[in-house]
All heavy atoms as atom14 arrays in JSON, in Angstrom:
{
  "sequence": "IGQTMKELMDEFQKKAKKHQKVESIADMKNFVETYPLFKKLSGTVS",
  "atom14_mask": [
    [1, 1, 1, 1, 1, 1, 1, 1, 0, 0, 0, 0, 0, 0],
    [1, 1, 1, 1, 0, 0, 0, 0, 0, 0, 0, 0, 0, 0],
    [1, 1, 1, 1, 1, 1, 1, 1, 1, 0, 0, 0, 0, 0],
    [1, 1, 1, 1, 1, 1, 1, 0, 0, 0, 0, 0, 0, 0],
    [1, 1, 1, 1, 1, 1, 1, 1, 0, 0, 0, 0, 0, 0],
    [1, 1, 1, 1, 1, 1, 1, 1, 1, 0, 0, 0, 0, 0],
    [1, 1, 1, 1, 1, 1, 1, 1, 1, 0, 0, 0, 0, 0],
    [1, 1, 1, 1, 1, 1, 1, 1, 0, 0, 0, 0, 0, 0],
    [1, 1, 1, 1, 1, 1, 1, 1, 0, 0, 0, 0, 0, 0],
    [1, 1, 1, 1, 1, 1, 1, 1, 0, 0, 0, 0, 0, 0],
    [1, 1, 1, 1, 1, 1, 1, 1, 1, 0, 0, 0, 0, 0],
    [1, 1, 1, 1, 1, 1, 1, 1, 1, 1, 1, 0, 0, 0],
    [1, 1, 1, 1, 1, 1, 1, 1, 1, 0, 0, 0, 0, 0],
    [1, 1, 1, 1, 1, 1, 1, 1, 1, 0, 0, 0, 0, 0],
    [1, 1, 1, 1, 1, 1, 1, 1, 1, 0, 0, 0, 0, 0],
    [1, 1, 1, 1, 1, 0, 0, 0, 0, 0, 0, 0, 0, 0],
    [1, 1, 1, 1, 1, 1, 1, 1, 1, 0, 0, 0, 0, 0],
    [1, 1, 1, 1, 1, 1, 1, 1, 1, 0, 0, 0, 0, 0],
    [1, 1, 1, 1, 1, 1, 1, 1, 1, 1, 0, 0, 0, 0],
    [1, 1, 1, 1, 1, 1, 1, 1, 1, 0, 0, 0, 0, 0],
    [1, 1, 1, 1, 1, 1, 1, 1, 1, 0, 0, 0, 0, 0],
    [1, 1, 1, 1, 1, 1, 1, 0, 0, 0, 0, 0, 0, 0],
    [1, 1, 1, 1, 1, 1, 1, 1, 1, 0, 0, 0, 0, 0],
    [1, 1, 1, 1, 1, 1, 0, 0, 0, 0, 0, 0, 0, 0],
    [1, 1, 1, 1, 1, 1, 1, 1, 0, 0, 0, 0, 0, 0],
    [1, 1, 1, 1, 1, 0, 0, 0, 0, 0, 0, 0, 0, 0],
    [1, 1, 1, 1, 1, 1, 1, 1, 0, 0, 0, 0, 0, 0],
    [1, 1, 1, 1, 1, 1, 1, 1, 0, 0, 0, 0, 0, 0],
    [1, 1, 1, 1, 1, 1, 1, 1, 1, 0, 0, 0, 0, 0],
    [1, 1, 1, 1, 1, 1, 1, 1, 0, 0, 0, 0, 0, 0],
    [1, 1, 1, 1, 1, 1, 1, 1, 1, 1, 1, 0, 0, 0],
    [1, 1, 1, 1, 1, 1, 1, 0, 0, 0, 0, 0, 0, 0],
    [1, 1, 1, 1, 1, 1, 1, 1, 1, 0, 0, 0, 0, 0],
    [1, 1, 1, 1, 1, 1, 1, 0, 0, 0, 0, 0, 0, 0],
    [1, 1, 1, 1, 1, 1, 1, 1, 1, 1, 1, 1, 0, 0],
    [1, 1, 1, 1, 1, 1, 1, 0, 0, 0, 0, 0, 0, 0],
    [1, 1, 1, 1, 1, 1, 1, 1, 0, 0, 0, 0, 0, 0],
    [1, 1, 1, 1, 1, 1, 1, 1, 1, 1, 1, 0, 0, 0],
    [1, 1, 1, 1, 1, 1, 1, 1, 1, 0, 0, 0, 0, 0],
    [1, 1, 1, 1, 1, 1, 1, 1, 1, 0, 0, 0, 0, 0],
    [1, 1, 1, 1, 1, 1, 1, 1, 0, 0, 0, 0, 0, 0],
    [1, 1, 1, 1, 1, 1, 0, 0, 0, 0, 0, 0, 0, 0],
    [1, 1, 1, 1, 0, 0, 0, 0, 0, 0, 0, 0, 0, 0],
    [1, 1, 1, 1, 1, 1, 1, 0, 0, 0, 0, 0, 0, 0],
    [1, 1, 1, 1, 1, 1, 1, 0, 0, 0, 0, 0, 0, 0],
    [1, 1, 1, 1, 1, 1, 0, 0, 0, 0, 0, 0, 0, 0]
  ],
  "atom14_positions": [
    [[-2.24, 70.99, 60.46], [-1.92, 70.01, 59.36], [-0.88, 69.1, 59.92], [-0.8, 67.91, 59.57], [-1.31, 70.85, 58.21], [-2.36, 71.6, 57.46], [-0.58, 69.89, 57.22], [-3.41, 70.7, 56.76], [0.0, 0.0, 0.0], [0.0, 0.0, 0.0], [0.0, 0.0, 0.0], [0.0, 0.0, 0.0], [0.0, 0.0, 0.0], [0.0, 0.0, 0.0]],
    [[0.08, 69.48, 60.79], [1.05, 68.68, 61.35], [0.48, 67.47, 62.11], [0.83, 66.32, 61.95], [0.0, 0.0, 0.0], [0.0, 0.0, 0.0], [0.0, 0.0, 0.0], [0.0, 0.0, 0.0], [0.0, 0.0, 0.0], [0.0, 0.0, 0.0], [0.0, 0.0, 0.0], [0.0, 0.0, 0.0], [0.0, 0.0, 0.0], [0.0, 0.0, 0.0]],
    [[-0.58, 67.75, 62.94], [-1.23, 66.66, 63.66], [-1.95, 65.74, 62.67], [-1.98, 64.54, 62.8], [-2.23, 67.24, 64.67], [-2.92, 66.24, 65.51], [-2.02, 65.36, 66.3], [-1.0, 65.86, 66.84], [-2.29, 64.08, 66.4], [0.0, 0.0, 0.0], [0.0, 0.0, 0.0], [0.0, 0.0, 0.0], [0.0, 0.0, 0.0], [0.0, 0.0, 0.0]],
    [[-2.68, 66.32, 61.71], [-3.41, 65.51, 60.79], [-2.48, 64.62, 59.85], [-2.76, 63.45, 59.58], [-4.23, 66.42, 59.81], [-4.97, 67.36, 60.59], [-5.24, 65.64, 58.95], [0.0, 0.0, 0.0], [0.0, 0.0, 0.0], [0.0, 0.0, 0.0], [0.0, 0.0, 0.0], [0.0, 0.0, 0.0], [0.0, 0.0, 0.0], [0.0, 0.0, 0.0]],
    [[-1.28, 65.16, 59.53], [-0.26, 64.32, 58.82], [0.17, 63.18, 59.64], [0.37, 62.07, 59.11], [0.91, 65.22, 58.46], [0.69, 66.15, 57.34], [0.34, 65.33, 55.75], [1.76, 64.11, 55.71], [0.0, 0.0, 0.0], [0.0, 0.0, 0.0], [0.0, 0.0, 0.0], [0.0, 0.0, 0.0], [0.0, 0.0, 0.0], [0.0, 0.0, 0.0]],
    [[0.37, 63.39, 60.92], [0.77, 62.31, 61.82], [-0.32, 61.11, 61.78], [-0.02, 59.99, 61.73], [0.98, 62.79, 63.28], [1.49, 61.74, 64.24], [1.68, 62.32, 65.59], [2.34, 61.3, 66.53], [1.46, 60.13, 66.71], [0.0, 0.0, 0.0], [0.0, 0.0, 0.0], [0.0, 0.0, 0.0], [0.0, 0.0, 0.0], [0.0, 0.0, 0.0]],
    [[-1.6, 61.6, 61.84], [-2.71, 60.58, 61.83], [-2.71, 59.84, 60.49], [-2.93, 58.65, 60.49], [-4.05, 61.28, 62.1], [-4.18, 61.9, 63.47], [-5.34, 62.77, 63.68], [-6.07, 62.96, 62.63], [-5.56, 63.38, 64.72], [0.0, 0.0, 0.0], [0.0, 0.0, 0.0], [0.0, 0.0, 0.0], [0.0, 0.0, 0.0], [0.0, 0.0, 0.0]],
    [[-2.47, 60.59, 59.43], [-2.41, 59.94, 58.16], [-1.33, 58.97, 58.02], [-1.43, 57.8, 57.4], [-2.29, 60.98, 57.06], [-2.3, 60.53, 55.54], [-3.63, 59.88, 55.24], [-2.0, 61.64, 54.62], [0.0, 0.0, 0.0], [0.0, 0.0, 0.0], [0.0, 0.0, 0.0], [0.0, 0.0, 0.0], [0.0, 0.0, 0.0], [0.0, 0.0, 0.0]],
    [[-0.18, 59.33, 58.51], [0.98, 58.35, 58.51], [0.7, 57.08, 59.35], [1.15, 55.99, 59.01], [2.26, 59.13, 58.94], [2.72, 60.15, 57.88], [4.32, 60.89, 58.31], [5.43, 59.57, 58.12], [0.0, 0.0, 0.0], [0.0, 0.0, 0.0], [0.0, 0.0, 0.0], [0.0, 0.0, 0.0], [0.0, 0.0, 0.0], [0.0, 0.0, 0.0]],
    [[0.11, 57.41, 60.52], [-0.16, 56.25, 61.36], [-1.13, 55.25, 60.71], [-0.97, 54.04, 60.81], [-0.81, 56.79, 62.67], [0.16, 57.4, 63.58], [1.35, 57.3, 63.41], [-0.31, 58.14, 64.51], [0.0, 0.0, 0.0], [0.0, 0.0, 0.0], [0.0, 0.0, 0.0], [0.0, 0.0, 0.0], [0.0, 0.0, 0.0], [0.0, 0.0, 0.0]],
    [[-2.13, 55.82, 60.0], [-3.06, 54.96, 59.26], [-2.37, 54.13, 58.19], [-2.57, 52.9, 57.99], [-4.13, 55.82, 58.6], [-5.19, 54.98, 57.9], [-6.27, 55.87, 57.15], [-6.19, 57.09, 57.42], [-7.1, 55.27, 56.47], [0.0, 0.0, 0.0], [0.0, 0.0, 0.0], [0.0, 0.0, 0.0], [0.0, 0.0, 0.0], [0.0, 0.0, 0.0]],
    [[-1.52, 54.74, 57.51], [-0.68, 54.12, 56.41], [0.18, 53.0, 57.02], [0.25, 51.87, 56.41], [0.16, 55.15, 55.69], [1.13, 54.5, 54.67], [0.59, 53.94, 53.46], [2.46, 54.56, 54.89], [1.52, 53.24, 52.59], [3.33, 53.92, 54.04], [2.84, 53.32, 52.84], [0.0, 0.0, 0.0], [0.0, 0.0, 0.0], [0.0, 0.0, 0.0]],
    [[0.86, 53.32, 58.02], [1.81, 52.3, 58.68], [0.98, 51.06, 59.19], [1.44, 49.95, 59.07], [2.56, 52.91, 59.78], [3.61, 53.9, 59.33], [4.26, 54.79, 60.47], [3.83, 54.72, 61.58], [5.34, 55.48, 60.12], [0.0, 0.0, 0.0], [0.0, 0.0, 0.0], [0.0, 0.0, 0.0], [0.0, 0.0, 0.0], [0.0, 0.0, 0.0]],
    [[-0.21, 51.35, 59.67], [-1.13, 50.32, 60.22], [-1.45, 49.44, 58.98], [-1.4, 48.15, 59.18], [-2.3, 50.86, 60.8], [-3.22, 49.82, 61.52], [-4.47, 50.43, 61.97], [-4.26, 51.39, 63.11], [-5.56, 52.03, 63.63], [0.0, 0.0, 0.0], [0.0, 0.0, 0.0], [0.0, 0.0, 0.0], [0.0, 0.0, 0.0], [0.0, 0.0, 0.0]],
    [[-1.86, 50.01, 57.9], [-2.23, 49.16, 56.72], [-1.06, 48.49, 56.16], [-1.08, 47.37, 55.64], [-2.87, 50.11, 55.7], [-4.31, 50.59, 56.04], [-4.94, 51.44, 54.98], [-6.3, 51.94, 55.4], [-7.31, 50.84, 55.48], [0.0, 0.0, 0.0], [0.0, 0.0, 0.0], [0.0, 0.0, 0.0], [0.0, 0.0, 0.0], [0.0, 0.0, 0.0]],
    [[0.15, 49.18, 56.11], [1.35, 48.55, 55.54], [1.75, 47.37, 56.37], [2.09, 46.26, 55.84], [2.47, 49.6, 55.49], [0.0, 0.0, 0.0], [0.0, 0.0, 0.0], [0.0, 0.0, 0.0], [0.0, 0.0, 0.0], [0.0, 0.0, 0.0], [0.0, 0.0, 0.0], [0.0, 0.0, 0.0], [0.0, 0.0, 0.0], [0.0, 0.0, 0.0]],
    [[1.66, 47.43, 57.74], [2.02, 46.32, 58.59], [1.11, 45.16, 58.35], [1.54, 43.98, 58.36], [1.99, 46.81, 60.02], [2.51, 45.74, 60.95], [2.55, 46.35, 62.42], [3.07, 45.26, 63.4], [3.08, 45.85, 64.81], [0.0, 0.0, 0.0], [0.0, 0.0, 0.0], [0.0, 0.0, 0.0], [0.0, 0.0, 0.0], [0.0, 0.0, 0.0]],
    [[-0.11, 45.42, 58.12], [-1.16, 44.39, 57.93], [-0.8, 43.55, 56.7], [-1.12, 42.41, 56.66], [-2.59, 45.08, 57.84], [-3.69, 44.06, 57.64], [-5.02, 44.85, 57.52], [-6.17, 43.83, 57.28], [-7.4, 44.57, 57.17], [0.0, 0.0, 0.0], [0.0, 0.0, 0.0], [0.0, 0.0, 0.0], [0.0, 0.0, 0.0], [0.0, 0.0, 0.0]],
    [[-0.2, 44.28, 55.7], [0.04, 43.56, 54.43], [1.47, 43.07, 54.28], [1.85, 42.72, 53.19], [-0.36, 44.53, 53.29], [-1.8, 44.67, 53.15], [-2.65, 43.78, 52.64], [-2.61, 45.84, 53.42], [-3.9, 44.27, 52.59], [-3.9, 45.48, 53.09], [0.0, 0.0, 0.0], [0.0, 0.0, 0.0], [0.0, 0.0, 0.0], [0.0, 0.0, 0.0]],
    [[2.2, 43.11, 55.41], [3.64, 42.63, 55.3], [3.7, 41.2, 55.01], [4.6, 40.67, 54.32], [4.35, 42.98, 56.56], [4.76, 44.43, 56.56], [5.47, 44.73, 58.0], [5.48, 43.95, 58.89], [6.05, 45.93, 58.08], [0.0, 0.0, 0.0], [0.0, 0.0, 0.0], [0.0, 0.0, 0.0], [0.0, 0.0, 0.0], [0.0, 0.0, 0.0]],
    [[2.73, 40.3, 55.5], [2.78, 38.92, 55.32], [1.64, 38.49, 54.34], [0.51, 38.78, 54.58], [2.54, 38.24, 56.7], [3.65, 38.38, 57.69], [3.41, 37.66, 58.95], [4.6, 37.91, 59.98], [4.4, 37.12, 61.21], [0.0, 0.0, 0.0], [0.0, 0.0, 0.0], [0.0, 0.0, 0.0], [0.0, 0.0, 0.0], [0.0, 0.0, 0.0]],
    [[2.12, 37.9, 53.3], [1.24, 37.29, 52.24], [1.63, 35.82, 52.18], [2.48, 35.46, 51.38], [1.31, 38.04, 50.97], [0.37, 37.42, 49.88], [1.06, 39.45, 51.09], [0.0, 0.0, 0.0], [0.0, 0.0, 0.0], [0.0, 0.0, 0.0], [0.0, 0.0, 0.0], [0.0, 0.0, 0.0], [0.0, 0.0, 0.0], [0.0, 0.0, 0.0]],
    [[0.97, 34.94, 52.92], [1.44, 33.61, 53.09], [0.49, 32.55, 52.46], [0.78, 31.4, 52.44], [1.58, 33.29, 54.6], [2.74, 34.14, 55.2], [2.82, 33.87, 56.67], [1.87, 33.3, 57.31], [3.94, 34.23, 57.34], [0.0, 0.0, 0.0], [0.0, 0.0, 0.0], [0.0, 0.0, 0.0], [0.0, 0.0, 0.0], [0.0, 0.0, 0.0]],
    [[-0.59, 33.0, 51.95], [-1.58, 32.1, 51.44], [-2.27, 32.65, 50.28], [-2.18, 33.84, 50.02], [-2.66, 31.69, 52.48], [-3.45, 32.83, 52.86], [0.0, 0.0, 0.0], [0.0, 0.0, 0.0], [0.0, 0.0, 0.0], [0.0, 0.0, 0.0], [0.0, 0.0, 0.0], [0.0, 0.0, 0.0], [0.0, 0.0, 0.0], [0.0, 0.0, 0.0]],
    [[-3.0, 31.89, 49.56], [-3.9, 32.38, 48.41], [-4.78, 33.37, 48.88], [-5.08, 34.36, 48.25], [-4.46, 31.2, 47.64], [-3.5, 30.24, 47.09], [-5.4, 31.67, 46.57], [-2.65, 30.86, 46.04], [0.0, 0.0, 0.0], [0.0, 0.0, 0.0], [0.0, 0.0, 0.0], [0.0, 0.0, 0.0], [0.0, 0.0, 0.0], [0.0, 0.0, 0.0]],
    [[-5.43, 33.09, 50.09], [-6.41, 33.98, 50.64], [-5.8, 35.35, 50.92], [-6.36, 36.39, 50.7], [-7.03, 33.42, 51.9], [0.0, 0.0, 0.0], [0.0, 0.0, 0.0], [0.0, 0.0, 0.0], [0.0, 0.0, 0.0], [0.0, 0.0, 0.0], [0.0, 0.0, 0.0], [0.0, 0.0, 0.0], [0.0, 0.0, 0.0], [0.0, 0.0, 0.0]],
    [[-4.55, 35.32, 51.5], [-3.76, 36.63, 51.77], [-3.55, 37.32, 50.5], [-3.61, 38.55, 50.47], [-2.45, 36.28, 52.48], [-2.65, 35.83, 53.95], [-3.72, 36.01, 54.48], [-1.76, 35.15, 54.49], [0.0, 0.0, 0.0], [0.0, 0.0, 0.0], [0.0, 0.0, 0.0], [0.0, 0.0, 0.0], [0.0, 0.0, 0.0], [0.0, 0.0, 0.0]],
    [[-3.09, 36.66, 49.47], [-2.77, 37.26, 48.25], [-4.02, 37.88, 47.56], [-4.01, 39.01, 47.11], [-2.13, 36.18, 47.3], [-1.53, 36.77, 46.0], [-0.86, 35.53, 44.96], [0.51, 34.94, 46.07], [0.0, 0.0, 0.0], [0.0, 0.0, 0.0], [0.0, 0.0, 0.0], [0.0, 0.0, 0.0], [0.0, 0.0, 0.0], [0.0, 0.0, 0.0]],
    [[-5.11, 37.05, 47.71], [-6.37, 37.61, 47.09], [-6.82, 38.88, 47.8], [-7.21, 39.93, 47.25], [-7.43, 36.59, 47.24], [-8.8, 37.0, 46.59], [-9.84, 35.94, 46.77], [-11.09, 36.37, 46.15], [-12.25, 35.29, 46.31], [0.0, 0.0, 0.0], [0.0, 0.0, 0.0], [0.0, 0.0, 0.0], [0.0, 0.0, 0.0], [0.0, 0.0, 0.0]],
    [[-6.69, 38.91, 49.14], [-7.08, 40.01, 50.0], [-6.18, 41.24, 49.65], [-6.65, 42.41, 49.57], [-7.0, 39.7, 51.44], [-7.41, 40.84, 52.38], [-8.45, 41.39, 52.2], [-6.59, 41.16, 53.37], [0.0, 0.0, 0.0], [0.0, 0.0, 0.0], [0.0, 0.0, 0.0], [0.0, 0.0, 0.0], [0.0, 0.0, 0.0], [0.0, 0.0, 0.0]],
    [[-4.92, 41.01, 49.46], [-4.02, 42.04, 49.09], [-4.28, 42.66, 47.82], [-4.36, 43.92, 47.6], [-2.54, 41.54, 49.06], [-1.53, 42.6, 48.75], [-1.05, 43.53, 49.66], [-1.0, 42.66, 47.41], [-0.17, 44.47, 49.25], [-0.08, 43.6, 47.08], [0.4, 44.56, 48.02], [0.0, 0.0, 0.0], [0.0, 0.0, 0.0], [0.0, 0.0, 0.0]],
    [[-4.58, 41.85, 46.81], [-4.92, 42.27, 45.41], [-6.18, 43.13, 45.45], [-6.28, 44.2, 44.81], [-5.04, 41.14, 44.46], [-5.64, 41.63, 43.09], [-3.74, 40.46, 44.23], [0.0, 0.0, 0.0], [0.0, 0.0, 0.0], [0.0, 0.0, 0.0], [0.0, 0.0, 0.0], [0.0, 0.0, 0.0], [0.0, 0.0, 0.0], [0.0, 0.0, 0.0]],
    [[-7.19, 42.74, 46.23], [-8.44, 43.41, 46.32], [-8.28, 44.79, 47.0], [-8.97, 45.75, 46.64], [-9.43, 42.61, 47.16], [-9.91, 41.36, 46.27], [-10.79, 40.48, 47.15], [-11.02, 40.76, 48.4], [-11.49, 39.57, 46.59], [0.0, 0.0, 0.0], [0.0, 0.0, 0.0], [0.0, 0.0, 0.0], [0.0, 0.0, 0.0], [0.0, 0.0, 0.0]],
    [[-7.36, 44.9, 47.93], [-7.19, 46.18, 48.68], [-6.07, 46.96, 48.08], [-5.91, 48.17, 48.55], [-7.01, 45.94, 50.13], [-5.78, 45.12, 50.39], [-8.14, 45.24, 50.84], [0.0, 0.0, 0.0], [0.0, 0.0, 0.0], [0.0, 0.0, 0.0], [0.0, 0.0, 0.0], [0.0, 0.0, 0.0], [0.0, 0.0, 0.0], [0.0, 0.0, 0.0]],
    [[-5.32, 46.44, 47.14], [-4.07, 47.09, 46.73], [-4.46, 48.52, 46.1], [-3.61, 49.48, 46.41], [-3.37, 46.25, 45.6], [-2.1, 46.94, 45.09], [-0.93, 46.93, 45.88], [-2.11, 47.45, 43.85], [0.22, 47.53, 45.49], [-0.84, 48.01, 43.41], [0.23, 48.14, 44.26], [1.37, 48.64, 43.75], [0.0, 0.0, 0.0], [0.0, 0.0, 0.0]],
    [[-5.46, 48.71, 45.32], [-5.68, 50.06, 44.76], [-5.81, 51.08, 45.88], [-5.28, 52.2, 45.79], [-7.0, 49.88, 43.97], [-6.99, 48.47, 43.59], [-6.39, 47.73, 44.76], [0.0, 0.0, 0.0], [0.0, 0.0, 0.0], [0.0, 0.0, 0.0], [0.0, 0.0, 0.0], [0.0, 0.0, 0.0], [0.0, 0.0, 0.0], [0.0, 0.0, 0.0]],
    [[-6.6, 50.74, 46.94], [-6.72, 51.68, 48.08], [-5.44, 51.9, 48.81], [-5.08, 53.02, 49.17], [-7.81, 51.17, 49.02], [-8.11, 52.02, 50.3], [-8.59, 53.37, 49.85], [-9.08, 51.27, 51.19], [0.0, 0.0, 0.0], [0.0, 0.0, 0.0], [0.0, 0.0, 0.0], [0.0, 0.0, 0.0], [0.0, 0.0, 0.0], [0.0, 0.0, 0.0]],
    [[-4.67, 50.78, 48.95], [-3.42, 50.89, 49.6], [-2.41, 51.73, 48.78], [-1.71, 52.62, 49.36], [-2.84, 49.41, 49.72], [-1.43, 49.33, 50.36], [-1.36, 49.52, 51.76], [-0.32, 49.03, 49.65], [-0.1, 49.41, 52.41], [0.89, 48.96, 50.24], [0.98, 49.16, 51.69], [0.0, 0.0, 0.0], [0.0, 0.0, 0.0], [0.0, 0.0, 0.0]],
    [[-2.4, 51.56, 47.53], [-1.55, 52.32, 46.61], [-1.9, 53.85, 46.7], [-1.05, 54.72, 46.7], [-1.6, 51.83, 45.19], [-0.65, 52.54, 44.22], [-0.72, 51.93, 42.85], [0.21, 52.54, 41.89], [0.18, 51.98, 40.5], [0.0, 0.0, 0.0], [0.0, 0.0, 0.0], [0.0, 0.0, 0.0], [0.0, 0.0, 0.0], [0.0, 0.0, 0.0]],
    [[-3.24, 54.06, 46.69], [-3.76, 55.42, 46.73], [-3.32, 56.15, 48.01], [-2.88, 57.28, 48.05], [-5.23, 55.47, 46.64], [-5.86, 56.87, 46.69], [-7.38, 56.86, 46.57], [-8.03, 58.17, 46.66], [-9.47, 58.12, 46.56], [0.0, 0.0, 0.0], [0.0, 0.0, 0.0], [0.0, 0.0, 0.0], [0.0, 0.0, 0.0], [0.0, 0.0, 0.0]],
    [[-3.47, 55.37, 49.13], [-3.04, 55.97, 50.45], [-1.58, 56.27, 50.48], [-1.09, 57.24, 50.99], [-3.45, 54.97, 51.57], [-3.17, 55.49, 52.99], [-3.86, 56.79, 53.26], [-3.62, 54.4, 53.96], [0.0, 0.0, 0.0], [0.0, 0.0, 0.0], [0.0, 0.0, 0.0], [0.0, 0.0, 0.0], [0.0, 0.0, 0.0], [0.0, 0.0, 0.0]],
    [[-0.76, 55.28, 49.9], [0.66, 55.46, 49.91], [0.98, 56.71, 49.13], [1.9, 57.54, 49.53], [1.29, 54.22, 49.15], [2.66, 54.48, 48.94], [0.0, 0.0, 0.0], [0.0, 0.0, 0.0], [0.0, 0.0, 0.0], [0.0, 0.0, 0.0], [0.0, 0.0, 0.0], [0.0, 0.0, 0.0], [0.0, 0.0, 0.0], [0.0, 0.0, 0.0]],
    [[0.38, 56.96, 47.94], [0.6, 58.18, 47.11], [0.22, 59.41, 47.89], [0.98, 60.4, 47.79], [0.0, 0.0, 0.0], [0.0, 0.0, 0.0], [0.0, 0.0, 0.0], [0.0, 0.0, 0.0], [0.0, 0.0, 0.0], [0.0, 0.0, 0.0], [0.0, 0.0, 0.0], [0.0, 0.0, 0.0], [0.0, 0.0, 0.0], [0.0, 0.0, 0.0]],
    [[-0.9, 59.38, 48.63], [-1.39, 60.6, 49.38], [-0.33, 60.81, 50.48], [-0.06, 62.08, 50.63], [-2.79, 60.18, 49.95], [-3.67, 60.04, 48.88], [-3.25, 61.46, 50.76], [0.0, 0.0, 0.0], [0.0, 0.0, 0.0], [0.0, 0.0, 0.0], [0.0, 0.0, 0.0], [0.0, 0.0, 0.0], [0.0, 0.0, 0.0], [0.0, 0.0, 0.0]],
    [[0.07, 59.88, 51.19], [1.1, 60.12, 52.28], [2.33, 60.69, 51.75], [2.81, 61.71, 52.22], [1.34, 58.86, 53.04], [2.55, 58.96, 53.98], [0.12, 58.34, 53.85], [0.0, 0.0, 0.0], [0.0, 0.0, 0.0], [0.0, 0.0, 0.0], [0.0, 0.0, 0.0], [0.0, 0.0, 0.0], [0.0, 0.0, 0.0], [0.0, 0.0, 0.0]],
    [[2.9, 60.11, 50.68], [4.13, 60.63, 50.08], [3.94, 62.07, 49.64], [4.84, 62.86, 49.87], [4.6, 59.76, 48.92], [4.79, 58.38, 49.43], [0.0, 0.0, 0.0], [0.0, 0.0, 0.0], [0.0, 0.0, 0.0], [0.0, 0.0, 0.0], [0.0, 0.0, 0.0], [0.0, 0.0, 0.0], [0.0, 0.0, 0.0], [0.0, 0.0, 0.0]]
  ]
}
């Protein structure tokens, strides 16, 4: 479980870093479309 938790956190950090910059309408649209999955992953990690 320890190793698997590390992989889960790495995946979350990768997705979080990807969404740090929302500089255009396209970025905003992409963020909104993926937000439910992002939020779900955030909740799972926590």
